[in-house]
Amino acid sequence: MDGQSFHQRTLKHRASIEGVGLHTGQPVRLTLSPACADSGIVFVRTDLAPTLEIPAECASVVDTVLNTSLGRDGVRIGTVEHVLAALAGCGIDAARIEVEGPEVPIADGSSAPFVQLIQRAGIHELRAPRRFLQVRKAVAVTDGDKVAKLLPARHFRMTYTIDFQHPLISDQTCALELDGRSFRKEIARARTFGFKRDVEKLHRAGLARGGSLENAVVVDDFHILNPEGLRFPDEFVRHKILDAIGDLALLGMPVIGHFVAVKSGHALNHQLVRKALAEGGACEVVQPRAADELYAMQNSLLPVLTLEEQVA
């Protein structure tokens, strides 16, 4: 999504963040580490002996109930979507994500703290060429009135519509052409959200035990309960776009195409990812031609995040 360079990118240094898991409520430490070219994004449970690596790919998905969880050999890492969205938004192709616990820390409920963590670590350009997944023909999945699809397009675009039939969260649509700058300005700060009426039910199901007004937008029947209010008038749909960016990261490379969703969520997003990878001729792995690279650089379609650029 980001990067004037068409070479793969990783991190310069290690950088860590501590917090609690949204659903487990357990304290956890996450460290972003550099990785070699063509290694992709890999999660590592460093609190286990021996440590266990879980690739950030479609085949690793083990749960999509109110989060995206990855797993292997009976071990899992939950709520990976926000850090994956940040890595995609900052154009990181290869990284090791060391997690000391069963879940990624929720931080403030958005991707902004992870963007800041990436900026602190710095970005290192590798020699290997970057690969993109070009959508060649439409791929769609449905579940009742819910829809998620990928369509051919020249750049990465997202159009998302939500309707929770709630006075504050009804019929919101957001459409963006996404690059590093628009992700940072328009999407990264959008927080996860939930309904006060669902809290006890979620707790009984073993979910949202670490949730609070510090890391989620909470609404009752008519009001935003967070004293500071919303970060965007349509923060809810923007966070759904953030989640989808994290889910699409499990395709394994940046997408050139148009993601369109109506009332979608993690489960349907992953159905779409699986179908796009399995359906012959739907997507093609491509590398940019020299002319494309020159055009992108001249027109700043994919601006690079620098260490000086802070999350607004």
C-alpha atoms as a PDB file:
ATOM      1  CA  MET A   1       0.000   0.000   0.000  1.00  0.00           C
ATOM      2  CA  ASP A   2       2.786   2.384   0.882  1.00  0.00           C
ATOM      3  CA  GLY A   3       6.170   3.085  -0.598  1.00  0.00           C
ATOM      4  CA  GLN A   4       7.545   4.876  -3.647  1.00  0.00           C
ATOM      5  CA  SER A   5      10.076   2.057  -3.795  1.00  0.00           C
ATOM      6  CA  PHE A   6       9.085  -1.152  -5.517  1.00  0.00           C
ATOM      7  CA  HIS A   7      11.531  -3.151  -3.454  1.00  0.00           C
ATOM      8  CA  GLN A   8      10.491  -5.149  -0.407  1.00  0.00           C
ATOM      9  CA  ARG A   9      10.743  -3.413   2.945  1.00  0.00           C
ATOM     10  CA  THR A  10      11.342  -4.534   6.495  1.00  0.00           C
ATOM     11  CA  LEU A  11      12.221  -2.805   9.771  1.00  0.00           C
ATOM     12  CA  LYS A  12      15.588  -1.278  10.694  1.00  0.00           C
ATOM     13  CA  HIS A  13      15.454  -2.077  14.405  1.00  0.00           C
ATOM     14  CA  ARG A  14      13.401  -3.857  17.028  1.00  0.00           C
ATOM     15  CA  ALA A  15      10.631  -1.940  18.781  1.00  0.00           C
ATOM     16  CA  SER A  16       8.210  -3.049  21.500  1.00  0.00           C
ATOM     17  CA  ILE A  17       4.827  -2.143  22.935  1.00  0.00           C
ATOM     18  CA  GLU A  18       3.062  -3.450  26.052  1.00  0.00           C
ATOM     19  CA  GLY A  19      -0.610  -3.619  26.917  1.00  0.00           C
ATOM     20  CA  VAL A  20      -3.536  -5.969  27.465  1.00  0.00           C
ATOM     21  CA  GLY A  21      -5.419  -8.249  25.118  1.00  0.00           C
ATOM     22  CA  LEU A  22      -8.894  -7.010  24.208  1.00  0.00           C
ATOM     23  CA  HIS A  23     -10.561 -10.388  24.637  1.00  0.00           C
ATOM     24  CA  THR A  24      -8.290 -12.225  27.104  1.00  0.00           C
ATOM     25  CA  GLY A  25      -7.601  -9.214  29.311  1.00  0.00           C
ATOM     26  CA  GLN A  26      -4.105 -10.617  29.858  1.00  0.00           C
ATOM     27  CA  PRO A  27      -0.964  -8.435  29.882  1.00  0.00           C
ATOM     28  CA  VAL A  28       1.128  -8.903  26.762  1.00  0.00           C
ATOM     29  CA  ARG A  29       4.262  -7.529  25.135  1.00  0.00           C
ATOM     30  CA  LEU A  30       4.691  -7.280  21.349  1.00  0.00           C
ATOM     31  CA  THR A  31       7.986  -6.665  19.556  1.00  0.00           C
ATOM     32  CA  LEU A  32       8.396  -5.878  15.855  1.00  0.00           C
ATOM     33  CA  SER A  33      11.655  -7.252  14.444  1.00  0.00           C
ATOM     34  CA  PRO A  34      13.432  -7.111  11.063  1.00  0.00           C
ATOM     35  CA  ALA A  35      13.190 -10.066   8.685  1.00  0.00           C
ATOM     36  CA  CYS A  36      14.845 -11.142   5.449  1.00  0.00           C
ATOM     37  CA  ALA A  37      13.385 -10.734   1.957  1.00  0.00           C
ATOM     38  CA  ASP A  38      10.601 -13.084   0.850  1.00  0.00           C
ATOM     39  CA  SER A  39       9.966 -14.238   4.433  1.00  0.00           C
ATOM     40  CA  GLY A  40       6.661 -12.372   4.724  1.00  0.00           C
ATOM     41  CA  ILE A  41       5.024 -11.494   8.032  1.00  0.00           C
ATOM     42  CA  VAL A  42       5.445 -14.119  10.759  1.00  0.00           C
ATOM     43  CA  PHE A  43       4.071 -14.090  14.307  1.00  0.00           C
ATOM     44  CA  VAL A  44       6.196 -15.749  16.998  1.00  0.00           C
ATOM     45  CA  ARG A  45       4.887 -16.858  20.406  1.00  0.00           C
ATOM     46  CA  THR A  46       8.037 -16.096  22.400  1.00  0.00           C
ATOM     47  CA  ASP A  47       6.448 -16.942  25.751  1.00  0.00           C
ATOM     48  CA  LEU A  48       6.522 -20.639  24.855  1.00  0.00           C
ATOM     49  CA  ALA A  49       9.408 -23.100  25.041  1.00  0.00           C
ATOM     50  CA  PRO A  50      10.250 -23.768  22.316  1.00  0.00           C
ATOM     51  CA  THR A  51       8.959 -20.654  20.576  1.00  0.00           C
ATOM     52  CA  LEU A  52       6.361 -21.217  17.870  1.00  0.00           C
ATOM     53  CA  GLU A  53       6.123 -19.401  14.526  1.00  0.00           C
ATOM     54  CA  ILE A  54       2.732 -18.746  12.928  1.00  0.00           C
ATOM     55  CA  PRO A  55       2.816 -17.285   9.396  1.00  0.00           C
ATOM     56  CA  ALA A  56       0.412 -14.420   8.710  1.00  0.00           C
ATOM     57  CA  GLU A  57      -1.388 -16.197   5.906  1.00  0.00           C
ATOM     58  CA  CYS A  58      -4.862 -17.414   5.102  1.00  0.00           C
ATOM     59  CA  ALA A  59      -4.112 -21.018   6.047  1.00  0.00           C
ATOM     60  CA  SER A  60      -3.282 -19.971   9.624  1.00  0.00           C
ATOM     61  CA  VAL A  61      -6.724 -18.498  10.408  1.00  0.00           C
ATOM     62  CA  VAL A  62      -8.423 -20.438  13.225  1.00  0.00           C
ATOM     63  CA  ASP A  63     -11.097 -18.011  14.478  1.00  0.00           C
ATOM     64  CA  THR A  64     -13.022 -15.027  13.106  1.00  0.00           C
ATOM     65  CA  VAL A  65     -15.441 -14.299  15.977  1.00  0.00           C
ATOM     66  CA  LEU A  66     -15.093 -10.571  16.743  1.00  0.00           C
ATOM     67  CA  ASN A  67     -11.400 -10.733  15.797  1.00  0.00           C
ATOM     68  CA  THR A  68      -8.988 -12.562  13.529  1.00  0.00           C
ATOM     69  CA  SER A  69      -6.987 -15.263  15.308  1.00  0.00           C
ATOM     70  CA  LEU A  70      -4.129 -17.246  13.806  1.00  0.00           C
ATOM     71  CA  GLY A  71      -2.972 -20.615  15.061  1.00  0.00           C
ATOM     72  CA  ARG A  72      -0.757 -23.633  14.586  1.00  0.00           C
ATOM     73  CA  ASP A  73      -0.398 -26.922  16.465  1.00  0.00           C
ATOM     74  CA  GLY A  74      -3.075 -25.909  18.954  1.00  0.00           C
ATOM     75  CA  VAL A  75      -1.394 -22.574  19.763  1.00  0.00           C
ATOM     76  CA  ARG A  76      -2.995 -19.299  18.727  1.00  0.00           C
ATOM     77  CA  ILE A  77      -2.470 -15.546  18.613  1.00  0.00           C
ATOM     78  CA  GLY A  78      -5.635 -13.439  18.717  1.00  0.00           C
ATOM     79  CA  THR A  79      -6.668 -10.013  17.419  1.00  0.00           C
ATOM     80  CA  VAL A  80      -3.934  -9.747  14.794  1.00  0.00           C
ATOM     81  CA  GLU A  81      -5.832  -7.464  12.406  1.00  0.00           C
ATOM     82  CA  HIS A  82      -4.799  -4.049  13.796  1.00  0.00           C
ATOM     83  CA  VAL A  83      -1.045  -4.674  13.692  1.00  0.00           C
ATOM     84  CA  LEU A  84      -1.356  -6.329  10.255  1.00  0.00           C
ATOM     85  CA  ALA A  85      -3.234  -3.274   8.982  1.00  0.00           C
ATOM     86  CA  ALA A  86      -0.462  -0.996  10.275  1.00  0.00           C
ATOM     87  CA  LEU A  87       2.254  -3.075   8.591  1.00  0.00           C
ATOM     88  CA  ALA A  88       0.322  -3.084   5.302  1.00  0.00           C
ATOM     89  CA  GLY A  89      -0.350   0.650   5.567  1.00  0.00           C
ATOM     90  CA  CYS A  90       3.336   1.359   6.121  1.00  0.00           C
ATOM     91  CA  GLY A  91       4.397  -0.910   3.261  1.00  0.00           C
ATOM     92  CA  ILE A  92       6.207  -3.533   5.355  1.00  0.00           C
ATOM     93  CA  ASP A  93       6.575  -6.794   3.421  1.00  0.00           C
ATOM     94  CA  ALA A  94       8.751  -8.795   5.838  1.00  0.00           C
ATOM     95  CA  ALA A  95       8.736  -8.742   9.639  1.00  0.00           C
ATOM     96  CA  ARG A  96       8.736 -10.946  12.707  1.00  0.00           C
ATOM     97  CA  ILE A  97       6.071 -10.076  15.269  1.00  0.00           C
ATOM     98  CA  GLU A  98       7.131 -11.495  18.622  1.00  0.00           C
ATOM     99  CA  VAL A  99       4.223 -11.845  21.041  1.00  0.00           C
ATOM    100  CA  GLU A 100       4.629 -12.759  24.712  1.00  0.00           C
ATOM    101  CA  GLY A 101       1.086 -13.980  25.234  1.00  0.00           C
ATOM    102  CA  PRO A 102      -1.991 -15.318  23.448  1.00  0.00           C
ATOM    103  CA  GLU A 103      -3.197 -12.038  21.951  1.00  0.00           C
ATOM    104  CA  VAL A 104      -1.862  -8.871  20.355  1.00  0.00           C
ATOM    105  CA  PRO A 105      -2.212  -5.884  22.742  1.00  0.00           C
ATOM    106  CA  ILE A 106      -5.255  -3.793  21.902  1.00  0.00           C
ATOM    107  CA  ALA A 107      -3.456  -0.474  22.680  1.00  0.00           C
ATOM    108  CA  ASP A 108      -6.027   2.291  22.034  1.00  0.00           C
ATOM    109  CA  GLY A 109      -8.220   0.104  19.812  1.00  0.00           C
ATOM    110  CA  SER A 110      -6.804   1.417  16.530  1.00  0.00           C
ATOM    111  CA  SER A 111      -3.722   0.907  14.353  1.00  0.00           C
ATOM    112  CA  ALA A 112      -2.170   4.263  15.262  1.00  0.00           C
ATOM    113  CA  PRO A 113       0.039   2.940  18.114  1.00  0.00           C
ATOM    114  CA  PHE A 114       1.413   0.263  15.761  1.00  0.00           C
ATOM    115  CA  VAL A 115       2.115   2.866  13.068  1.00  0.00           C
ATOM    116  CA  GLN A 116       4.070   4.819  15.690  1.00  0.00           C
ATOM    117  CA  LEU A 117       5.898   1.614  16.646  1.00  0.00           C
ATOM    118  CA  ILE A 118       6.896   1.052  12.995  1.00  0.00           C
ATOM    119  CA  GLN A 119       8.098   4.630  12.740  1.00  0.00           C
ATOM    120  CA  ARG A 120      10.170   4.127  15.889  1.00  0.00           C
ATOM    121  CA  ALA A 121      11.717   0.953  14.474  1.00  0.00           C
ATOM    122  CA  GLY A 122      12.450   2.618  11.124  1.00  0.00           C
ATOM    123  CA  ILE A 123      11.976   1.197   7.631  1.00  0.00           C
ATOM    124  CA  HIS A 124      14.724  -0.646   5.744  1.00  0.00           C
ATOM    125  CA  GLU A 125      14.549  -1.274   2.017  1.00  0.00           C
ATOM    126  CA  LEU A 126      15.618  -4.710   0.818  1.00  0.00           C
ATOM    127  CA  ARG A 127      17.074  -5.603  -2.573  1.00  0.00           C
ATOM    128  CA  ALA A 128      14.371  -8.101  -3.506  1.00  0.00           C
ATOM    129  CA  PRO A 129      11.592  -6.804  -5.777  1.00  0.00           C
ATOM    130  CA  ARG A 130       8.165  -6.285  -4.301  1.00  0.00           C
ATOM    131  CA  ARG A 131       5.292  -8.422  -5.524  1.00  0.00           C
ATOM    132  CA  PHE A 132       1.652  -7.348  -5.840  1.00  0.00           C
ATOM    133  CA  LEU A 133      -1.568  -9.305  -6.156  1.00  0.00           C
ATOM    134  CA  GLN A 134      -3.402  -7.930  -9.189  1.00  0.00           C
ATOM    135  CA  VAL A 135      -7.141  -8.629  -9.245  1.00  0.00           C
ATOM    136  CA  ARG A 136      -7.957  -9.797 -12.787  1.00  0.00           C
ATOM    137  CA  LYS A 137     -11.632 -10.697 -12.425  1.00  0.00           C
ATOM    138  CA  ALA A 138     -14.366 -10.123  -9.882  1.00  0.00           C
ATOM    139  CA  VAL A 139     -14.470 -12.415  -6.842  1.00  0.00           C
ATOM    140  CA  ALA A 140     -17.416 -12.209  -4.446  1.00  0.00           C
ATOM    141  CA  VAL A 141     -18.809 -13.952  -1.372  1.00  0.00           C
ATOM    142  CA  THR A 142     -22.167 -13.384   0.302  1.00  0.00           C
ATOM    143  CA  ASP A 143     -23.991 -14.277   3.494  1.00  0.00           C
ATOM    144  CA  GLY A 144     -27.596 -13.116   3.373  1.00  0.00           C
ATOM    145  CA  ASP A 145     -27.446  -9.349   2.876  1.00  0.00           C
ATOM    146  CA  LYS A 146     -23.709  -9.267   3.632  1.00  0.00           C
ATOM    147  CA  VAL A 147     -21.320  -8.929   0.701  1.00  0.00           C
ATOM    148  CA  ALA A 148     -17.551  -8.804   0.227  1.00  0.00           C
ATOM    149  CA  LYS A 149     -15.890  -8.674  -3.173  1.00  0.00           C
ATOM    150  CA  LEU A 150     -12.694  -7.815  -4.991  1.00  0.00           C
ATOM    151  CA  LEU A 151     -12.897  -6.086  -8.355  1.00  0.00           C
ATOM    152  CA  PRO A 152     -10.216  -5.154 -10.905  1.00  0.00           C
ATOM    153  CA  ALA A 153      -8.824  -1.625 -10.463  1.00  0.00           C
ATOM    154  CA  ARG A 154      -5.643   0.305 -11.242  1.00  0.00           C
ATOM    155  CA  HIS A 155      -4.877   1.054  -7.599  1.00  0.00           C
ATOM    156  CA  PHE A 156      -5.919  -0.205  -4.166  1.00  0.00           C
ATOM    157  CA  ARG A 157      -9.381   1.114  -3.337  1.00  0.00           C
ATOM    158  CA  MET A 158     -11.921   0.303  -0.645  1.00  0.00           C
ATOM    159  CA  THR A 159     -15.645   1.018  -0.446  1.00  0.00           C
ATOM    160  CA  TYR A 160     -17.345  -0.092   2.754  1.00  0.00           C
ATOM    161  CA  THR A 161     -20.962   0.214   3.906  1.00  0.00           C
ATOM    162  CA  ILE A 162     -22.233  -0.646   7.378  1.00  0.00           C
ATOM    163  CA  ASP A 163     -25.691  -0.552   8.943  1.00  0.00           C
ATOM    164  CA  PHE A 164     -26.142  -1.764  12.514  1.00  0.00           C
ATOM    165  CA  GLN A 165     -29.724  -0.426  12.648  1.00  0.00           C
ATOM    166  CA  HIS A 166     -28.676   1.818  15.509  1.00  0.00           C
ATOM    167  CA  PRO A 167     -29.309   5.582  15.723  1.00  0.00           C
ATOM    168  CA  LEU A 168     -25.556   6.263  15.810  1.00  0.00           C
ATOM    169  CA  ILE A 169     -24.355   3.502  13.461  1.00  0.00           C
ATOM    170  CA  SER A 170     -26.704   3.269  10.516  1.00  0.00           C
ATOM    171  CA  ASP A 171     -26.007   3.369   6.795  1.00  0.00           C
ATOM    172  CA  GLN A 172     -22.438   4.703   6.874  1.00  0.00           C
ATOM    173  CA  THR A 173     -20.392   4.423   3.679  1.00  0.00           C
ATOM    174  CA  CYS A 174     -16.735   5.322   3.192  1.00  0.00           C
ATOM    175  CA  ALA A 175     -14.841   5.115  -0.109  1.00  0.00           C
ATOM    176  CA  LEU A 176     -11.100   5.740  -0.380  1.00  0.00           C
ATOM    177  CA  GLU A 177      -8.194   5.180  -2.707  1.00  0.00           C
ATOM    178  CA  LEU A 178      -5.652   3.964  -0.208  1.00  0.00           C
ATOM    179  CA  ASP A 179      -1.958   4.651  -0.001  1.00  0.00           C
ATOM    180  CA  GLY A 180       0.329   5.178   2.963  1.00  0.00           C
ATOM    181  CA  ARG A 181      -0.683   8.781   3.531  1.00  0.00           C
ATOM    182  CA  SER A 182      -4.435   8.245   3.278  1.00  0.00           C
ATOM    183  CA  PHE A 183      -4.189   5.201   5.556  1.00  0.00           C
ATOM    184  CA  ARG A 184      -2.329   7.218   8.177  1.00  0.00           C
ATOM    185  CA  LYS A 185      -4.628  10.234   7.990  1.00  0.00           C
ATOM    186  CA  GLU A 186      -8.019   8.650   7.324  1.00  0.00           C
ATOM    187  CA  ILE A 187      -7.999   5.123   8.732  1.00  0.00           C
ATOM    188  CA  ALA A 188      -5.206   4.305  11.226  1.00  0.00           C
ATOM    189  CA  ARG A 189      -6.738   6.250  14.149  1.00  0.00           C
ATOM    190  CA  ALA A 190     -10.238   4.707  13.872  1.00  0.00           C
ATOM    191  CA  ARG A 191     -10.957   2.644  16.989  1.00  0.00           C
ATOM    192  CA  THR A 192     -12.799  -0.603  17.490  1.00  0.00           C
ATOM    193  CA  PHE A 193     -16.306  -0.229  18.889  1.00  0.00           C
ATOM    194  CA  GLY A 194     -18.993  -2.111  20.746  1.00  0.00           C
ATOM    195  CA  PHE A 195     -22.405  -1.833  22.361  1.00  0.00           C
ATOM    196  CA  LYS A 196     -22.910  -1.486  26.110  1.00  0.00           C
ATOM    197  CA  ARG A 197     -25.859  -3.902  25.935  1.00  0.00           C
ATOM    198  CA  ASP A 198     -23.552  -6.682  24.697  1.00  0.00           C
ATOM    199  CA  VAL A 199     -20.835  -6.393  27.362  1.00  0.00           C
ATOM    200  CA  GLU A 200     -22.195  -8.971  29.831  1.00  0.00           C
ATOM    201  CA  LYS A 201     -22.951 -11.461  27.051  1.00  0.00           C
ATOM    202  CA  LEU A 202     -19.418 -11.064  25.653  1.00  0.00           C
ATOM    203  CA  HIS A 203     -17.888 -11.575  29.102  1.00  0.00           C
ATOM    204  CA  ARG A 204     -19.881 -14.783  29.576  1.00  0.00           C
ATOM    205  CA  ALA A 205     -18.496 -15.974  26.220  1.00  0.00           C
ATOM    206  CA  GLY A 206     -14.945 -15.216  27.375  1.00  0.00           C
ATOM    207  CA  LEU A 207     -14.620 -12.158  25.114  1.00  0.00           C
ATOM    208  CA  ALA A 208     -13.892  -8.441  25.609  1.00  0.00           C
ATOM    209  CA  ARG A 209     -12.438  -9.014  29.093  1.00  0.00           C
ATOM    210  CA  GLY A 210      -9.807  -6.337  28.463  1.00  0.00           C
ATOM    211  CA  GLY A 211     -12.189  -3.854  26.855  1.00  0.00           C
ATOM    212  CA  SER A 212     -12.643  -0.358  28.287  1.00  0.00           C
ATOM    213  CA  LEU A 213     -13.294   3.206  27.227  1.00  0.00           C
ATOM    214  CA  GLU A 214      -9.512   3.501  26.879  1.00  0.00           C
ATOM    215  CA  ASN A 215      -9.380   1.048  23.973  1.00  0.00           C
ATOM    216  CA  ALA A 216     -12.825   1.013  22.355  1.00  0.00           C
ATOM    217  CA  VAL A 217     -15.698   3.278  21.421  1.00  0.00           C
ATOM    218  CA  VAL A 218     -18.718   2.158  23.443  1.00  0.00           C
ATOM    219  CA  VAL A 219     -22.293   3.189  22.657  1.00  0.00           C
ATOM    220  CA  ASP A 220     -25.547   2.724  24.526  1.00  0.00           C
ATOM    221  CA  ASP A 221     -28.936   3.071  22.871  1.00  0.00           C
ATOM    222  CA  PHE A 222     -28.440   6.738  22.035  1.00  0.00           C
ATOM    223  CA  HIS A 223     -25.031   8.028  23.175  1.00  0.00           C
ATOM    224  CA  ILE A 224     -21.277   7.683  22.763  1.00  0.00           C
ATOM    225  CA  LEU A 225     -20.039   6.837  26.271  1.00  0.00           C
ATOM    226  CA  ASN A 226     -16.421   7.917  25.658  1.00  0.00           C
ATOM    227  CA  PRO A 227     -15.951  11.399  27.173  1.00  0.00           C
ATOM    228  CA  GLU A 228     -13.759  12.527  24.249  1.00  0.00           C
ATOM    229  CA  GLY A 229     -16.333  11.483  21.651  1.00  0.00           C
ATOM    230  CA  LEU A 230     -15.404  10.253  18.177  1.00  0.00           C
ATOM    231  CA  ARG A 231     -12.183  10.834  16.243  1.00  0.00           C
ATOM    232  CA  PHE A 232     -14.123  10.964  12.963  1.00  0.00           C
ATOM    233  CA  PRO A 233     -17.860  11.524  12.414  1.00  0.00           C
ATOM    234  CA  ASP A 234     -17.930   8.110  10.679  1.00  0.00           C
ATOM    235  CA  GLU A 235     -15.306   6.402  12.840  1.00  0.00           C
ATOM    236  CA  PHE A 236     -17.298   3.165  12.882  1.00  0.00           C
ATOM    237  CA  VAL A 237     -17.100   2.449   9.151  1.00  0.00           C
ATOM    238  CA  ARG A 238     -13.491   3.633   9.050  1.00  0.00           C
ATOM    239  CA  HIS A 239     -12.592   1.040  11.656  1.00  0.00           C
ATOM    240  CA  LYS A 240     -14.301  -1.643   9.580  1.00  0.00           C
ATOM    241  CA  ILE A 241     -12.031  -0.597   6.693  1.00  0.00           C
ATOM    242  CA  LEU A 242      -9.042  -0.867   9.052  1.00  0.00           C
ATOM    243  CA  ASP A 243     -10.094  -4.395  10.025  1.00  0.00           C
ATOM    244  CA  ALA A 244     -10.514  -5.355   6.377  1.00  0.00           C
ATOM    245  CA  ILE A 245      -7.032  -4.069   5.515  1.00  0.00           C
ATOM    246  CA  GLY A 246      -5.654  -6.339   8.239  1.00  0.00           C
ATOM    247  CA  ASP A 247      -7.677  -9.285   6.959  1.00  0.00           C
ATOM    248  CA  LEU A 248      -6.622  -8.696   3.340  1.00  0.00           C
ATOM    249  CA  ALA A 249      -2.990  -8.663   4.497  1.00  0.00           C
ATOM    250  CA  LEU A 250      -3.366 -12.443   4.815  1.00  0.00           C
ATOM    251  CA  LEU A 251      -3.304 -12.575   1.006  1.00  0.00           C
ATOM    252  CA  GLY A 252       0.453 -12.261   1.532  1.00  0.00           C
ATOM    253  CA  MET A 253       1.182  -9.176  -0.559  1.00  0.00           C
ATOM    254  CA  PRO A 254      -0.257  -5.745  -1.419  1.00  0.00           C
ATOM    255  CA  VAL A 255      -3.442  -5.793  -3.493  1.00  0.00           C
ATOM    256  CA  ILE A 256      -4.075  -3.913  -6.716  1.00  0.00           C
ATOM    257  CA  GLY A 257      -7.845  -3.951  -6.856  1.00  0.00           C
ATOM    258  CA  HIS A 258     -11.073  -2.571  -5.414  1.00  0.00           C
ATOM    259  CA  PHE A 259     -12.436  -4.127  -2.215  1.00  0.00           C
ATOM    260  CA  VAL A 260     -16.178  -3.552  -1.844  1.00  0.00           C
ATOM    261  CA  ALA A 261     -18.052  -4.614   1.283  1.00  0.00           C
ATOM    262  CA  VAL A 262     -21.573  -4.300   2.641  1.00  0.00           C
ATOM    263  CA  LYS A 263     -22.040  -5.313   6.289  1.00  0.00           C
ATOM    264  CA  SER A 264     -19.012  -7.604   6.060  1.00  0.00           C
ATOM    265  CA  GLY A 265     -16.873  -8.746   8.965  1.00  0.00           C
ATOM    266  CA  HIS A 266     -13.866 -10.931   9.689  1.00  0.00           C
ATOM    267  CA  ALA A 267     -15.573 -14.206   8.719  1.00  0.00           C
ATOM    268  CA  LEU A 268     -16.757 -12.986   5.320  1.00  0.00           C
ATOM    269  CA  ASN A 269     -13.486 -11.149   4.669  1.00  0.00           C
ATOM    270  CA  HIS A 270     -11.618 -14.427   5.129  1.00  0.00           C
ATOM    271  CA  GLN A 271     -14.021 -16.314   2.919  1.00  0.00           C
ATOM    272  CA  LEU A 272     -13.164 -13.758   0.235  1.00  0.00           C
ATOM    273  CA  VAL A 273      -9.412 -14.134   0.824  1.00  0.00           C
ATOM    274  CA  ARG A 274      -9.666 -17.911   0.502  1.00  0.00           C
ATOM    275  CA  LYS A 275     -11.780 -17.709  -2.651  1.00  0.00           C
ATOM    276  CA  ALA A 276      -9.495 -15.130  -4.287  1.00  0.00           C
ATOM    277  CA  LEU A 277      -6.474 -17.381  -3.721  1.00  0.00           C
ATOM    278  CA  ALA A 278      -8.257 -20.568  -4.813  1.00  0.00           C
ATOM    279  CA  GLU A 279     -10.162 -19.360  -7.861  1.00  0.00           C
ATOM    280  CA  GLY A 280      -8.064 -19.800 -10.973  1.00  0.00           C
ATOM    281  CA  GLY A 281      -7.433 -16.618 -12.938  1.00  0.00           C
ATOM    282  CA  ALA A 282      -9.010 -14.342 -10.319  1.00  0.00           C
ATOM    283  CA  CYS A 283      -5.701 -12.862  -9.161  1.00  0.00           C
ATOM    284  CA  GLU A 284      -2.195 -12.758 -10.553  1.00  0.00           C
ATOM    285  CA  VAL A 285       1.122 -12.088  -8.828  1.00  0.00           C
ATOM    286  CA  VAL A 286       2.837  -9.214 -10.655  1.00  0.00           C
ATOM    287  CA  GLN A 287       5.917  -7.054 -10.329  1.00  0.00           C
ATOM    288  CA  PRO A 288       5.907  -3.397 -11.394  1.00  0.00           C
ATOM    289  CA  ARG A 289       7.359  -2.401 -14.728  1.00  0.00           C
ATOM    290  CA  ALA A 290       9.919   0.409 -14.826  1.00  0.00           C
ATOM    291  CA  ALA A 291       7.370   2.758 -16.387  1.00  0.00           C
ATOM    292  CA  ASP A 292       4.876   2.072 -13.596  1.00  0.00           C
ATOM    293  CA  GLU A 293       7.542   2.766 -10.970  1.00  0.00           C
ATOM    294  CA  LEU A 294       8.481   6.081 -12.592  1.00  0.00           C
ATOM    295  CA  TYR A 295       4.815   7.115 -12.847  1.00  0.00           C
ATOM    296  CA  ALA A 296       4.164   6.306  -9.190  1.00  0.00           C
ATOM    297  CA  MET A 297       7.233   8.220  -8.028  1.00  0.00           C
ATOM    298  CA  GLN A 298       6.426  11.284 -10.146  1.00  0.00           C
ATOM    299  CA  ASN A 299       2.814  11.418  -8.983  1.00  0.00           C
ATOM    300  CA  SER A 300       3.454  10.411  -5.352  1.00  0.00           C
ATOM    301  CA  LEU A 301       0.723   7.794  -5.479  1.00  0.00           C
ATOM    302  CA  LEU A 302       2.413   5.823  -2.738  1.00  0.00           C
ATOM    303  CA  PRO A 303       4.120   8.306  -0.394  1.00  0.00           C
ATOM    304  CA  VAL A 304       6.677   6.956   2.045  1.00  0.00           C
ATOM    305  CA  LEU A 305       6.141   7.390   5.777  1.00  0.00           C
ATOM    306  CA  THR A 306       9.197   8.986   7.337  1.00  0.00           C
ATOM    307  CA  LEU A 307      10.265   8.882  10.934  1.00  0.00           C
ATOM    308  CA  GLU A 308       9.377  12.554  11.246  1.00  0.00           C
ATOM    309  CA  GLU A 309       5.767  11.973  10.232  1.00  0.00           C
ATOM    310  CA  GLN A 310       3.778  11.340  13.380  1.00  0.00           C
ATOM    311  CA  VAL A 311       0.267  10.010  13.633  1.00  0.00           C
ATOM    312  CA  ALA A 312      -2.023  13.003  13.810  1.00  0.00           C
END
